[in-house]
Amino acid sequence: MKKYIIILAASFIAFSGCKRDFDAVNPNAPTIASFWKTGNDATKGINAVYSTFYRTPGLYSRWMFYHGILKSDEGFGSGGDGGLNNLMRFNQTNYNDGLTALTWSTFYVGIFRANQVIANVPNISMDETLKKQIIAEAKFLRALFYFNLTLYYGRPPLMLTPSQPKDMPANATTAQAYAQVAKDLTEAVADLPVNYPATDLGRATRGAAYALLGKTYLQQKLYQQALNAFSYLVTGAGNSTYSLTADYRDNFILAKENNSESVFEIQFSENQSENTDDDVDESRINNTGSSIAQFFAPPGIGYSDGGARRWVVDEFLQEKTVSGAQDPRLAASFIFNNANPAGPTATMVYGQTFQSRYGNGPDANGVWFRKLLNDNWKNQEGFRSPNNYRLIRYADVLLMYAECLNGLGRTTDAYQYVDRVRQRAGLSTLTAAKPGLNQAQFLTQLKHERLTELAGEGWRWADLARWGDLSPALANRDADFNGFIVGKHELYPIPQSDIDLNANLTQNPKY
């Protein structure tokens, strides 16, 4: 009888198990909603959104620089990572490749976290000013994530509330996605502070929101809307907050972080809690330091997986400073044999001369991006660089402001903002060097100005896309573009794994 009861009970459990709803909420597990009770919870929540930056390696620890720098005509895959090199050559057959799929999914991790803040913090009883600020920070971060998803993938699904397991959102159009970015930023600006105390540096500011809003409009060539947004920083209330540093190099070294030129930067620190200097193991999800220096540094110092094209160096050599010297931004931006005009025996590379390191060997003509490196204080790179990434600089804003004015037919008015950037580099003003340019000529000149000012900072791909310059014609200076297909490679493929799970999601054209 006892044996019969056991068998019957086992049969009942097995039968009931077949009808179990696996999407039902576990009554014994804490829910997300139960977390959002206090102002301290709100702060922890928004901090979790910022922490998405550090998820390794999909975003600003490493891969965002591959997307913005190496995929453009200024860089290429120069090391032994075959998958990276193929992707930079526009040769991708695996649409679940980590470099594109993990970047996509990591942005959605950040969006999920931001949505939790936006949905739950309004119901918390706490200081109202701080509450509004935290919600505004979440909207800024959600906007930044969607800006990048739209730039690189074109048609991301818009998820604006905390996601549920059965959600199957369809693609947004590019216009819809950018409109949501602009909406988030427009709502955020009023409640974001102009600045923060030292303990909170790195949080989104009003100026950062206006700058990203301007970028969003400019990427769509909505010049008047972009100009209005940038005006806050250039001619409006935020003008007194920002200024160009006297020394260009100060924008890329550890000792000069969060300076007057910084509009928004990703904060990094050398996390000492790790017992190994390695983030290649994907189980190591968060790294508060950046690993990009390890992958961009020259051979013998780092992996040298990403190199710069030599033609960019030549762009800097088109003109000298008013004192007849080499443009100082060249040596600040790149490591190469003649970074010091005296040549390889005078050019220093991490404490040794270029000649002694590379001589006449296979790397003698190599060029490496310098701005994300630590050669001014280290002799070897690693995976936990504490050097912040300056995502938006004031010089970038000034050049975009000039681009807006020129786009509106106000070319004469645009000169003065380019002049400010050139004068900091010691060059003659554009007003003196090339007066009277028409609209098309000024844009051509501006393309040169943005390259020499912002090389290796991650905005080159966005610039080329905005100007309509992405095409196989770029192969004359970057051989990778021989594989570029117009109407396809302006965007990455949407991960196939997401499409397989979501019948409402469609792939990008020609993939």
Protein backbone atom coordinates (compact mmCIF):
# COMPACT_ATOMS: atom_id res chain seq x y z
CA MET A 1 0.00 0.00 0.00
CA LYS A 2 2.81 2.36 0.93
CA LYS A 3 4.58 1.55 -2.36
CA TYR A 4 1.35 2.30 -4.24
CA ILE A 5 1.01 5.76 -2.61
CA ILE A 6 4.57 6.65 -3.57
CA ILE A 7 3.98 5.59 -7.16
CA LEU A 8 0.71 7.54 -7.30
CA ALA A 9 2.35 10.65 -5.85
CA ALA A 10 5.21 10.41 -8.34
CA SER A 11 2.71 10.07 -11.19
CA PHE A 12 0.81 13.17 -9.99
CA ILE A 13 4.01 15.23 -9.77
CA ALA A 14 5.06 14.15 -13.25
CA PHE A 15 1.60 14.90 -14.66
CA SER A 16 1.33 18.31 -13.04
CA GLY A 17 4.88 19.13 -14.12
CA CYS A 18 3.92 18.74 -17.75
CA LYS A 19 1.45 21.62 -17.40
CA ARG A 20 3.72 23.96 -15.47
CA ASP A 21 3.80 27.58 -16.62
CA PHE A 22 7.51 28.34 -16.74
CA ASP A 23 6.81 32.05 -17.22
CA ALA A 24 4.92 32.27 -13.93
CA VAL A 25 6.46 34.36 -11.18
CA ASN A 26 8.20 32.32 -8.50
CA PRO A 27 6.46 33.33 -5.25
CA ASN A 28 9.60 32.43 -3.26
CA ALA A 29 11.94 34.69 -5.25
CA PRO A 30 12.31 38.46 -4.73
CA THR A 31 10.84 40.48 -7.58
CA ILE A 32 12.41 43.46 -9.31
CA ALA A 33 9.57 45.66 -8.12
CA SER A 34 10.27 44.80 -4.48
CA PHE A 35 13.70 46.43 -4.78
CA TRP A 36 12.57 49.98 -5.52
CA LYS A 37 11.71 51.31 -2.07
CA THR A 38 14.13 54.08 -1.04
CA GLY A 39 16.25 56.89 -2.43
CA ASN A 40 19.27 54.67 -1.85
CA ASP A 41 17.69 52.05 -4.10
CA ALA A 42 17.22 54.70 -6.79
CA THR A 43 20.90 55.63 -6.60
CA LYS A 44 21.94 51.99 -6.78
CA GLY A 45 19.63 51.55 -9.77
CA ILE A 46 21.10 54.40 -11.79
CA ASN A 47 24.63 53.30 -10.88
CA ALA A 48 23.79 49.91 -12.38
CA VAL A 49 22.92 51.63 -15.67
CA TYR A 50 26.32 53.35 -15.73
CA SER A 51 28.00 50.04 -14.95
CA THR A 52 26.85 48.77 -18.36
CA PHE A 53 29.76 50.77 -19.80
CA TYR A 54 32.15 48.30 -18.18
CA ARG A 55 30.63 45.02 -19.26
CA THR A 56 33.52 43.26 -20.94
CA PRO A 57 34.23 43.48 -23.80
CA GLY A 58 31.16 44.69 -25.64
CA LEU A 59 31.11 48.43 -25.03
CA TYR A 60 33.58 51.07 -23.93
CA SER A 61 36.10 48.72 -22.44
CA ARG A 62 37.07 47.64 -25.93
CA TRP A 63 34.72 46.92 -28.81
CA MET A 64 33.15 50.34 -29.32
CA PHE A 65 36.56 51.53 -30.50
CA TYR A 66 36.70 48.76 -33.09
CA HIS A 67 33.33 49.89 -34.44
CA GLY A 68 34.07 53.61 -34.51
CA ILE A 69 37.78 53.58 -35.39
CA LEU A 70 38.99 50.35 -36.99
CA LYS A 71 35.95 49.87 -39.25
CA SER A 72 36.42 53.36 -40.65
CA ASP A 73 39.07 54.38 -43.16
CA GLU A 74 41.46 55.58 -40.44
CA GLY A 75 42.06 52.12 -38.94
CA PHE A 76 42.16 48.39 -39.62
CA GLY A 77 42.63 45.02 -37.96
CA SER A 78 46.40 44.75 -37.83
CA GLY A 79 47.01 41.75 -35.57
CA GLY A 80 46.31 38.07 -35.40
CA ASP A 81 42.59 38.22 -34.61
CA GLY A 82 41.17 36.75 -37.81
CA GLY A 83 37.55 37.36 -36.84
CA LEU A 84 38.21 41.03 -36.16
CA ASN A 85 40.22 41.44 -39.34
CA ASN A 86 37.48 39.88 -41.47
CA LEU A 87 34.82 42.07 -39.91
CA MET A 88 36.89 45.19 -40.59
CA ARG A 89 37.12 43.99 -44.21
CA PHE A 90 33.30 43.81 -44.37
CA ASN A 91 33.45 40.04 -44.56
CA GLN A 92 30.90 38.68 -42.08
CA THR A 93 29.05 35.42 -42.55
CA ASN A 94 28.21 34.69 -38.90
CA TYR A 95 25.52 37.13 -37.83
CA ASN A 96 25.92 35.95 -34.22
CA ASP A 97 29.58 36.95 -34.19
CA GLY A 98 30.36 38.25 -30.72
CA LEU A 99 31.83 41.52 -31.92
CA THR A 100 28.49 42.62 -33.34
CA ALA A 101 25.97 40.46 -31.45
CA LEU A 102 27.42 41.03 -27.99
CA THR A 103 27.63 44.76 -28.56
CA TRP A 104 23.94 44.73 -29.55
CA SER A 105 22.88 42.65 -26.54
CA THR A 106 24.97 44.67 -24.09
CA PHE A 107 23.27 47.88 -25.19
CA TYR A 108 19.97 46.21 -24.44
CA VAL A 109 21.24 45.24 -20.99
CA GLY A 110 21.79 48.96 -20.40
CA ILE A 111 18.39 49.83 -21.86
CA PHE A 112 16.70 47.26 -19.61
CA ARG A 113 18.39 48.78 -16.58
CA ALA A 114 17.51 52.33 -17.64
CA ASN A 115 13.89 51.31 -18.18
CA GLN A 116 13.78 49.93 -14.64
CA VAL A 117 14.89 53.30 -13.28
CA ILE A 118 12.47 55.28 -15.44
CA ALA A 119 9.54 53.02 -14.51
CA ASN A 120 10.16 52.57 -10.78
CA VAL A 121 11.91 55.64 -9.38
CA PRO A 122 8.86 57.94 -9.86
CA ASN A 123 7.00 55.86 -7.25
CA ILE A 124 9.70 56.20 -4.57
CA SER A 125 9.23 58.68 -1.73
CA MET A 126 12.51 60.60 -1.75
CA ASP A 127 14.06 64.01 -2.39
CA GLU A 128 12.21 65.28 -5.48
CA THR A 129 15.18 67.08 -7.02
CA LEU A 130 17.35 63.99 -6.76
CA LYS A 131 14.51 61.84 -8.08
CA LYS A 132 14.16 64.00 -11.19
CA GLN A 133 17.93 64.00 -11.69
CA ILE A 134 18.17 60.20 -11.51
CA ILE A 135 15.33 59.76 -14.00
CA ALA A 136 17.01 62.30 -16.30
CA GLU A 137 20.33 60.43 -16.04
CA ALA A 138 18.55 57.21 -17.01
CA LYS A 139 17.00 58.92 -20.03
CA PHE A 140 20.40 60.27 -21.09
CA LEU A 141 21.95 56.81 -20.85
CA ARG A 142 19.07 55.14 -22.66
CA ALA A 143 19.46 57.77 -25.38
CA LEU A 144 23.20 57.07 -25.64
CA PHE A 145 22.57 53.34 -25.97
CA TYR A 146 19.90 53.84 -28.63
CA PHE A 147 22.03 56.40 -30.47
CA ASN A 148 24.73 53.77 -30.92
CA LEU A 149 22.28 51.02 -31.79
CA THR A 150 20.78 53.26 -34.48
CA LEU A 151 24.16 54.35 -35.81
CA TYR A 152 25.53 50.83 -36.16
CA TYR A 153 22.43 48.66 -36.67
CA GLY A 154 19.95 51.10 -38.20
CA ARG A 155 16.62 49.65 -37.06
CA PRO A 156 16.69 48.65 -33.40
CA PRO A 157 13.45 47.66 -31.66
CA LEU A 158 12.37 50.37 -29.21
CA MET A 159 11.84 48.94 -25.74
CA LEU A 160 10.77 51.77 -23.45
CA THR A 161 9.33 49.86 -20.50
CA PRO A 162 10.81 47.01 -18.47
CA SER A 163 10.88 44.04 -20.81
CA GLN A 164 8.94 40.83 -20.23
CA PRO A 165 9.87 37.30 -21.37
CA LYS A 166 7.16 37.20 -24.04
CA ASP A 167 7.92 40.62 -25.58
CA MET A 168 8.47 40.46 -29.33
CA PRO A 169 9.13 44.03 -30.45
CA ALA A 170 9.42 44.86 -34.13
CA ASN A 171 12.19 46.93 -35.71
CA ALA A 172 11.82 50.67 -35.43
CA THR A 173 12.72 52.73 -38.45
CA THR A 174 15.94 54.71 -38.23
CA ALA A 175 13.92 57.93 -38.04
CA GLN A 176 11.77 56.55 -35.22
CA ALA A 177 14.81 55.43 -33.27
CA TYR A 178 16.57 58.79 -33.57
CA ALA A 179 13.31 60.53 -32.65
CA GLN A 180 13.19 58.53 -29.42
CA VAL A 181 16.80 59.45 -28.66
CA ALA A 182 15.94 63.11 -29.16
CA LYS A 183 12.82 62.78 -27.00
CA ASP A 184 14.77 61.24 -24.11
CA LEU A 185 17.46 63.91 -24.28
CA THR A 186 14.98 66.78 -24.58
CA GLU A 187 13.17 65.54 -21.48
CA ALA A 188 16.45 65.00 -19.61
CA VAL A 189 18.09 68.41 -20.05
CA ALA A 190 15.83 70.31 -17.64
CA ASP A 191 16.58 68.01 -14.70
CA LEU A 192 20.28 67.35 -15.25
CA PRO A 193 22.73 69.52 -13.26
CA VAL A 194 25.31 71.69 -14.98
CA ASN A 195 28.06 69.97 -13.02
CA TYR A 196 28.69 67.64 -10.08
CA PRO A 197 30.94 67.54 -7.02
CA ALA A 198 34.17 65.57 -7.38
CA THR A 199 32.59 62.47 -5.85
CA ASP A 200 30.08 62.25 -8.70
CA LEU A 201 32.21 63.15 -11.72
CA GLY A 202 31.19 61.20 -14.78
CA ARG A 203 27.44 61.47 -14.34
CA ALA A 204 25.43 62.93 -17.20
CA THR A 205 25.27 66.72 -17.20
CA ARG A 206 23.00 69.17 -18.96
CA GLY A 207 25.79 70.02 -21.38
CA ALA A 208 26.35 66.35 -22.19
CA ALA A 209 22.65 65.92 -22.97
CA TYR A 210 22.59 68.96 -25.23
CA ALA A 211 25.76 67.77 -27.01
CA LEU A 212 24.36 64.29 -27.64
CA LEU A 213 21.06 65.83 -28.74
CA GLY A 214 22.98 67.94 -31.24
CA LYS A 215 24.83 64.86 -32.50
CA THR A 216 21.52 63.05 -32.91
CA TYR A 217 20.06 65.82 -35.05
CA LEU A 218 23.28 66.39 -36.99
CA GLN A 219 23.54 62.71 -37.89
CA GLN A 220 20.20 63.20 -39.66
CA LYS A 221 21.34 66.51 -41.22
CA LEU A 222 18.70 68.41 -39.26
CA TYR A 223 20.98 71.39 -39.06
CA GLN A 224 18.72 73.92 -37.35
CA GLN A 225 17.68 71.53 -34.59
CA ALA A 226 21.29 70.50 -34.09
CA LEU A 227 22.44 74.11 -34.00
CA ASN A 228 19.82 74.91 -31.37
CA ALA A 229 21.08 72.07 -29.17
CA PHE A 230 24.77 72.91 -29.58
CA SER A 231 24.03 76.57 -28.88
CA TYR A 232 23.68 75.82 -25.18
CA LEU A 233 27.39 74.95 -25.06
CA VAL A 234 28.69 77.45 -27.61
CA THR A 235 26.74 80.68 -27.24
CA GLY A 236 24.23 79.94 -24.48
CA ALA A 237 24.15 79.34 -20.76
CA GLY A 238 26.66 76.50 -20.91
CA ASN A 239 29.28 78.54 -22.72
CA SER A 240 31.05 79.47 -19.47
CA THR A 241 31.27 75.81 -18.42
CA TYR A 242 33.46 74.60 -21.28
CA SER A 243 36.68 75.76 -22.91
CA LEU A 244 39.51 74.28 -24.95
CA THR A 245 42.51 73.19 -22.91
CA ALA A 246 45.72 75.06 -23.67
CA ASP A 247 47.53 71.77 -24.33
CA TYR A 248 45.77 69.41 -26.74
CA ARG A 249 47.49 66.39 -25.20
CA ASP A 250 45.79 67.06 -21.85
CA ASN A 251 42.63 65.51 -23.26
CA PHE A 252 44.15 62.05 -23.42
CA ILE A 253 46.24 61.54 -20.29
CA LEU A 254 45.32 60.22 -16.88
CA ALA A 255 46.45 63.27 -14.93
CA LYS A 256 44.14 65.65 -16.83
CA GLU A 257 40.82 63.84 -16.75
CA ASN A 258 37.50 65.69 -16.46
CA ASN A 259 39.05 68.97 -17.57
CA SER A 260 37.37 72.06 -19.01
CA GLU A 261 37.12 70.50 -22.48
CA SER A 262 35.39 67.35 -21.30
CA VAL A 263 31.67 67.30 -22.07
CA PHE A 264 31.17 63.63 -21.23
CA GLU A 265 33.72 60.96 -20.51
CA ILE A 266 33.59 57.33 -19.45
CA GLN A 267 35.24 56.99 -16.04
CA PHE A 268 37.78 54.17 -15.71
CA SER A 269 39.78 52.98 -12.72
CA GLU A 270 42.42 50.30 -12.31
CA ASN A 271 40.40 47.78 -10.32
CA GLN A 272 42.84 46.21 -7.89
CA SER A 273 40.40 43.55 -6.69
CA GLU A 274 41.14 41.38 -9.71
CA ASN A 275 43.77 38.72 -9.17
CA THR A 276 44.86 38.71 -12.78
CA ASP A 277 45.33 41.40 -15.41
CA ASP A 278 43.11 39.71 -17.97
CA ASP A 279 39.59 40.34 -19.27
CA VAL A 280 39.58 37.92 -22.18
CA ASP A 281 37.75 35.37 -20.03
CA GLU A 282 34.13 36.26 -20.79
CA SER A 283 33.07 35.28 -17.27
CA ARG A 284 34.76 38.45 -16.06
CA ILE A 285 31.80 40.62 -16.94
CA ASN A 286 32.74 43.93 -15.33
CA ASN A 287 36.14 45.57 -15.53
CA THR A 288 36.31 49.08 -14.15
CA GLY A 289 39.42 49.64 -16.21
CA SER A 290 39.57 49.79 -20.00
CA SER A 291 41.25 46.98 -21.94
CA ILE A 292 41.51 48.85 -25.24
CA ALA A 293 45.09 49.97 -24.53
CA GLN A 294 46.23 46.35 -24.44
CA PHE A 295 44.72 45.75 -27.88
CA PHE A 296 45.81 49.03 -29.52
CA ALA A 297 49.37 49.26 -28.18
CA PRO A 298 52.28 48.50 -30.56
CA PRO A 299 53.96 45.07 -30.73
CA GLY A 300 56.00 44.17 -27.69
CA ILE A 301 53.83 46.42 -25.53
CA GLY A 302 50.34 45.19 -26.35
CA TYR A 303 48.57 42.94 -28.84
CA SER A 304 48.53 45.46 -31.72
CA ASP A 305 45.17 44.15 -32.92
CA GLY A 306 44.21 47.59 -34.20
CA GLY A 307 46.43 49.82 -36.30
CA ALA A 308 46.10 53.18 -38.06
CA ARG A 309 46.34 53.81 -41.77
CA ARG A 310 49.40 55.75 -42.92
CA TRP A 311 47.38 58.17 -45.05
CA VAL A 312 46.02 59.80 -41.90
CA VAL A 313 49.56 60.85 -40.95
CA ASP A 314 49.92 62.54 -44.32
CA GLU A 315 46.73 64.51 -43.65
CA PHE A 316 48.41 66.18 -40.67
CA LEU A 317 51.49 67.03 -42.72
CA GLN A 318 49.57 69.22 -45.18
CA GLU A 319 50.37 72.34 -43.18
CA LYS A 320 52.66 73.51 -40.41
CA THR A 321 52.01 75.69 -37.41
CA VAL A 322 52.52 79.45 -37.60
CA SER A 323 55.99 78.90 -36.14
CA GLY A 324 56.87 76.36 -38.83
CA ALA A 325 56.60 73.29 -36.59
CA GLN A 326 54.76 70.02 -37.14
CA ASP A 327 51.11 70.01 -36.06
CA PRO A 328 51.39 68.94 -32.38
CA ARG A 329 48.20 66.90 -32.67
CA LEU A 330 50.00 64.38 -34.88
CA ALA A 331 52.39 63.15 -32.18
CA ALA A 332 49.58 63.35 -29.63
CA SER A 333 47.41 61.11 -31.79
CA PHE A 334 49.77 58.48 -33.20
CA ILE A 335 52.88 56.45 -32.54
CA PHE A 336 54.97 56.04 -35.70
CA ASN A 337 58.56 56.35 -36.86
CA ASN A 338 58.57 60.12 -37.34
CA ALA A 339 56.25 61.23 -34.54
CA ASN A 340 59.28 63.25 -33.57
CA PRO A 341 60.28 65.01 -36.82
CA ALA A 342 63.91 64.16 -36.04
CA GLY A 343 63.07 60.56 -36.95
CA PRO A 344 63.05 57.04 -35.47
CA THR A 345 66.11 57.57 -33.31
CA ALA A 346 64.41 60.50 -31.57
CA THR A 347 60.85 59.17 -31.47
CA MET A 348 60.16 57.54 -28.10
CA VAL A 349 57.92 54.49 -27.73
CA TYR A 350 57.27 53.47 -24.13
CA GLY A 351 60.71 54.46 -22.88
CA GLN A 352 62.70 53.29 -25.91
CA THR A 353 63.39 54.82 -29.28
CA PHE A 354 61.34 53.71 -32.24
CA GLN A 355 64.56 52.65 -33.95
CA SER A 356 65.64 50.41 -31.09
CA ARG A 357 62.24 48.75 -30.87
CA TYR A 358 61.41 48.25 -34.53
CA GLY A 359 64.50 49.18 -36.56
CA ASN A 360 64.01 48.17 -40.18
CA GLY A 361 61.76 45.23 -39.34
CA PRO A 362 58.16 44.49 -40.34
CA ASP A 363 56.80 47.16 -37.98
CA ALA A 364 59.12 49.94 -39.15
CA ASN A 365 56.30 51.65 -41.07
CA GLY A 366 53.56 50.86 -38.57
CA VAL A 367 51.24 53.51 -37.18
CA TRP A 368 49.32 53.06 -33.92
CA PHE A 369 46.59 55.10 -32.27
CA ARG A 370 47.99 56.82 -29.18
CA LYS A 371 45.10 58.64 -27.52
CA LEU A 372 43.81 55.62 -25.60
CA LEU A 373 47.26 54.49 -24.46
CA ASN A 374 49.35 55.13 -21.34
CA ASP A 375 52.84 55.54 -22.79
CA ASN A 376 53.44 58.74 -20.78
CA TRP A 377 53.61 56.78 -17.51
CA LYS A 378 53.81 53.04 -18.29
CA ASN A 379 56.28 50.79 -20.08
CA GLN A 380 53.72 48.05 -20.72
CA GLU A 381 49.97 48.03 -21.25
CA GLY A 382 47.40 45.74 -19.61
CA PHE A 383 43.70 45.04 -19.38
CA ARG A 384 42.79 47.54 -16.64
CA SER A 385 43.75 50.98 -17.91
CA PRO A 386 42.43 53.74 -15.61
CA ASN A 387 42.63 56.39 -18.35
CA ASN A 388 39.16 57.82 -19.01
CA TYR A 389 37.66 57.87 -22.50
CA ARG A 390 36.60 61.37 -23.52
CA LEU A 391 33.43 60.49 -25.39
CA ILE A 392 32.47 64.08 -26.26
CA ARG A 393 34.96 66.96 -26.24
CA TYR A 394 34.24 70.66 -26.58
CA ALA A 395 36.40 70.82 -29.71
CA ASP A 396 34.09 68.25 -31.28
CA VAL A 397 31.11 70.44 -30.38
CA LEU A 398 32.71 73.54 -31.93
CA LEU A 399 33.38 71.72 -35.20
CA MET A 400 29.85 70.31 -35.29
CA TYR A 401 28.47 73.77 -34.60
CA ALA A 402 30.43 75.03 -37.61
CA GLU A 403 29.07 72.16 -39.69
CA CYS A 404 25.52 73.14 -38.75
CA LEU A 405 26.08 76.77 -39.70
CA ASN A 406 27.57 75.74 -43.01
CA GLY A 407 24.69 73.33 -43.62
CA LEU A 408 22.30 76.25 -43.12
CA GLY A 409 24.17 78.35 -45.68
CA ARG A 410 25.86 80.49 -43.00
CA THR A 411 29.38 79.58 -44.05
CA THR A 412 30.93 82.93 -43.15
CA ASP A 413 29.59 82.60 -39.59
CA ALA A 414 31.07 79.11 -39.28
CA TYR A 415 34.71 80.15 -39.73
CA GLN A 416 35.26 81.46 -36.21
CA TYR A 417 34.48 78.11 -34.56
CA VAL A 418 36.94 76.22 -36.73
CA ASP A 419 39.47 78.97 -36.04
CA ARG A 420 39.28 78.33 -32.30
CA VAL A 421 40.19 74.68 -32.79
CA ARG A 422 42.99 75.42 -35.26
CA GLN A 423 44.52 78.15 -33.12
CA ARG A 424 44.78 75.84 -30.13
CA ALA A 425 46.90 73.57 -32.35
CA GLY A 426 49.10 76.52 -33.34
CA LEU A 427 47.81 76.70 -36.92
CA SER A 428 46.85 79.87 -38.69
CA THR A 429 43.16 80.67 -38.69
CA LEU A 430 41.09 79.27 -41.50
CA THR A 431 39.85 82.83 -41.98
CA ALA A 432 43.39 83.82 -42.95
CA ALA A 433 44.41 80.60 -44.71
CA LYS A 434 41.32 79.96 -46.84
CA PRO A 435 38.92 82.88 -46.85
CA GLY A 436 35.80 82.91 -48.99
CA LEU A 437 35.11 79.18 -49.25
CA ASN A 438 31.68 78.32 -50.55
CA GLN A 439 29.42 75.84 -48.78
CA ALA A 440 30.75 72.72 -50.53
CA GLN A 441 34.38 73.81 -50.20
CA PHE A 442 33.92 74.58 -46.52
CA LEU A 443 32.49 71.10 -45.89
CA THR A 444 35.49 69.55 -47.65
CA GLN A 445 37.78 71.58 -45.40
CA LEU A 446 35.74 70.64 -42.35
CA LYS A 447 36.24 66.96 -43.14
CA HIS A 448 39.97 67.59 -42.89
CA GLU A 449 39.56 69.56 -39.66
CA ARG A 450 37.53 66.83 -37.98
CA LEU A 451 40.04 64.17 -39.00
CA THR A 452 43.05 66.02 -37.64
CA GLU A 453 41.31 67.07 -34.43
CA LEU A 454 39.43 63.84 -33.64
CA ALA A 455 41.48 61.03 -35.20
CA GLY A 456 41.34 57.86 -33.13
CA GLU A 457 38.53 59.03 -30.87
CA GLY A 458 35.71 56.87 -32.23
CA TRP A 459 33.66 59.34 -34.29
CA ARG A 460 35.12 58.73 -37.74
CA TRP A 461 32.54 56.11 -38.78
CA ALA A 462 29.65 58.39 -37.75
CA ASP A 463 31.20 61.24 -39.74
CA LEU A 464 31.64 59.17 -42.90
CA ALA A 465 28.08 57.85 -42.61
CA ARG A 466 26.64 61.34 -42.15
CA TRP A 467 28.54 62.77 -45.08
CA GLY A 468 27.53 59.91 -47.36
CA ASP A 469 31.17 59.01 -47.91
CA LEU A 470 30.98 55.29 -47.16
CA SER A 471 31.69 53.51 -50.42
CA PRO A 472 34.24 51.29 -52.18
CA ALA A 473 35.93 54.51 -53.33
CA LEU A 474 37.58 54.69 -49.90
CA ALA A 475 39.70 51.69 -50.93
CA ASN A 476 42.20 54.12 -52.43
CA ARG A 477 43.33 54.85 -48.85
CA ASP A 478 41.97 51.81 -46.97
CA ALA A 479 42.11 48.50 -48.83
CA ASP A 480 39.44 47.04 -46.55
CA PHE A 481 36.82 49.04 -48.43
CA ASN A 482 37.31 46.84 -51.48
CA GLY A 483 34.81 44.59 -49.73
CA PHE A 484 32.29 47.34 -48.98
CA ILE A 485 28.81 46.91 -50.53
CA VAL A 486 26.67 50.04 -50.73
CA GLY A 487 23.27 49.53 -49.15
CA LYS A 488 24.58 46.77 -46.89
CA HIS A 489 27.72 47.55 -44.99
CA GLU A 490 26.65 50.93 -43.66
CA LEU A 491 25.05 48.78 -40.94
CA TYR A 492 25.90 45.64 -39.03
CA PRO A 493 23.58 42.64 -39.24
CA ILE A 494 21.03 42.26 -36.48
CA PRO A 495 21.99 39.16 -34.47
CA GLN A 496 20.40 36.10 -36.05
CA SER A 497 19.76 34.62 -32.62
CA ASP A 498 17.39 37.52 -31.85
CA ILE A 499 15.59 37.13 -35.17
CA ASP A 500 15.16 33.39 -34.54
CA LEU A 501 13.45 34.16 -31.22
CA ASN A 502 11.35 37.08 -32.43
CA ALA A 503 9.09 36.66 -35.45
CA ASN A 504 8.52 40.43 -35.60
CA LEU A 505 12.20 41.24 -36.07
CA THR A 506 13.65 41.41 -39.59
CA GLN A 507 17.24 41.43 -40.84
CA ASN A 508 18.98 44.44 -42.33
CA PRO A 509 19.12 44.73 -46.14
CA LYS A 510 21.34 42.39 -48.15
CA TYR A 511 22.32 40.22 -45.16
